[in-house]
C-alpha atoms as a PDB file:
ATOM      1  CA  MET A   1      17.988 -24.974  -8.406  1.00  0.00           C
ATOM      2  CA  SER A   2      15.947 -25.740  -5.324  1.00  0.00           C
ATOM      3  CA  GLY A   3      12.459 -24.384  -4.664  1.00  0.00           C
ATOM      4  CA  ASN A   4      13.647 -21.698  -2.267  1.00  0.00           C
ATOM      5  CA  ASN A   5      12.179 -18.301  -2.964  1.00  0.00           C
ATOM      6  CA  ASN A   6      14.672 -16.219  -1.042  1.00  0.00           C
ATOM      7  CA  ASN A   7      14.160 -12.546  -1.856  1.00  0.00           C
ATOM      8  CA  SER A   8      17.357 -10.875  -0.796  1.00  0.00           C
ATOM      9  CA  GLY A   9      16.561  -7.498  -2.321  1.00  0.00           C
ATOM     10  CA  ASN A  10      14.269  -4.694  -1.215  1.00  0.00           C
ATOM     11  CA  THR A  11      11.926  -5.879   1.510  1.00  0.00           C
ATOM     12  CA  GLY A  12       9.739  -2.767   1.480  1.00  0.00           C
ATOM     13  CA  GLY A  13       9.116  -1.119   4.796  1.00  0.00           C
ATOM     14  CA  GLY A  14       9.460   2.466   3.589  1.00  0.00           C
ATOM     15  CA  SER A  15      13.103   2.659   2.637  1.00  0.00           C
ATOM     16  CA  LYS A  16      14.769   6.055   2.371  1.00  0.00           C
ATOM     17  CA  GLY A  17      13.580   7.954  -0.674  1.00  0.00           C
ATOM     18  CA  SER A  18      10.356   5.978  -1.065  1.00  0.00           C
ATOM     19  CA  THR A  19       6.984   7.620  -1.575  1.00  0.00           C
ATOM     20  CA  PRO A  20       4.538   7.125   1.313  1.00  0.00           C
ATOM     21  CA  MET A  21       1.187   5.446   0.635  1.00  0.00           C
ATOM     22  CA  SER A  22      -1.634   7.965   0.287  1.00  0.00           C
ATOM     23  CA  GLN A  23      -5.313   7.327   0.858  1.00  0.00           C
ATOM     24  CA  SER A  24      -6.001   7.748  -2.860  1.00  0.00           C
ATOM     25  CA  ASP A  25      -3.285   5.161  -3.645  1.00  0.00           C
ATOM     26  CA  ALA A  26      -4.939   2.733  -1.229  1.00  0.00           C
ATOM     27  CA  SER A  27      -8.324   3.393  -2.816  1.00  0.00           C
ATOM     28  CA  ARG A  28      -6.976   2.501  -6.267  1.00  0.00           C
ATOM     29  CA  ILE A  29      -5.463  -0.707  -4.890  1.00  0.00           C
ATOM     30  CA  GLN A  30      -8.725  -1.702  -3.216  1.00  0.00           C
ATOM     31  CA  SER A  31     -10.717  -1.004  -6.374  1.00  0.00           C
ATOM     32  CA  ALA A  32      -8.369  -3.046  -8.562  1.00  0.00           C
ATOM     33  CA  ASN A  33      -8.388  -5.956  -6.105  1.00  0.00           C
ATOM     34  CA  ALA A  34     -12.185  -5.935  -5.873  1.00  0.00           C
ATOM     35  CA  LYS A  35     -12.572  -5.900  -9.674  1.00  0.00           C
ATOM     36  CA  SER A  36     -10.130  -8.775 -10.128  1.00  0.00           C
ATOM     37  CA  GLY A  37     -11.628 -10.902  -7.353  1.00  0.00           C
ATOM     38  CA  SER A  38      -8.480 -10.785  -5.215  1.00  0.00           C
ATOM     39  CA  ASP A  39      -8.298 -11.205  -1.441  1.00  0.00           C
ATOM     40  CA  MET A  40     -10.433  -8.515   0.220  1.00  0.00           C
ATOM     41  CA  SER A  41     -10.034  -9.844   3.773  1.00  0.00           C
ATOM     42  CA  SER A  42      -8.818  -7.731   6.651  1.00  0.00           C
ATOM     43  CA  GLY A  43      -5.350  -9.300   6.334  1.00  0.00           C
ATOM     44  CA  GLY A  44      -5.051  -8.801   2.576  1.00  0.00           C
ATOM     45  CA  PHE A  45      -2.820  -6.346   0.753  1.00  0.00           C
ATOM     46  CA  ALA A  46      -5.639  -3.866   0.080  1.00  0.00           C
ATOM     47  CA  ALA A  47      -6.452  -3.622   3.791  1.00  0.00           C
ATOM     48  CA  ARG A  48      -2.797  -3.168   4.696  1.00  0.00           C
ATOM     49  CA  ALA A  49      -2.471  -0.466   2.026  1.00  0.00           C
ATOM     50  CA  GLN A  50      -5.466   1.375   3.454  1.00  0.00           C
ATOM     51  CA  GLY A  51      -3.972   1.181   6.941  1.00  0.00           C
ATOM     52  CA  ALA A  52      -0.710   2.650   5.674  1.00  0.00           C
ATOM     53  CA  GLY A  53      -2.554   5.436   3.847  1.00  0.00           C
ATOM     54  CA  ASP A  54      -4.560   6.243   6.949  1.00  0.00           C
ATOM     55  CA  ARG A  55      -1.437   6.310   9.136  1.00  0.00           C
ATOM     56  CA  ASN A  56       0.323   8.623   6.696  1.00  0.00           C
ATOM     57  CA  ALA A  57      -2.692  10.943   6.473  1.00  0.00           C
ATOM     58  CA  ASN A  58      -2.940  11.098  10.264  1.00  0.00           C
ATOM     59  CA  ALA A  59       0.765  11.918  10.420  1.00  0.00           C
ATOM     60  CA  GLY A  60       0.151  14.887   8.113  1.00  0.00           C
ATOM     61  CA  GLY A  61       2.077  13.360   5.230  1.00  0.00           C
ATOM     62  CA  GLN A  62      -0.611  13.167   2.557  1.00  0.00           C
ATOM     63  CA  GLN A  63      -4.021  14.547   1.677  1.00  0.00           C
ATOM     64  CA  SER A  64      -6.658  12.367   0.097  1.00  0.00           C
ATOM     65  CA  GLY A  65      -7.259  13.335  -3.493  1.00  0.00           C
ATOM     66  CA  GLY A  66      -3.599  13.616  -4.376  1.00  0.00           C
ATOM     67  CA  THR A  67      -3.289  17.382  -4.937  1.00  0.00           C
ATOM     68  CA  LYS A  68      -2.463  20.094  -2.435  1.00  0.00           C
ATOM     69  CA  LYS A  69      -3.790  23.608  -2.845  1.00  0.00           C
END
């Protein structure tokens, strides 16, 4: 088998039925990445997760904290 890593499955991007990223989800991702010494740059996964959480919160989709009253 050659060294091709061709992922022909789910490519993400918010497919139908997926759960949107919340700000609290993004916070957990950032915390875990910081503790493990992972990439904390502005182009890293944690930053992209925070951007998605912020966009969803601004769209009215999620509240930070995870519970609605």
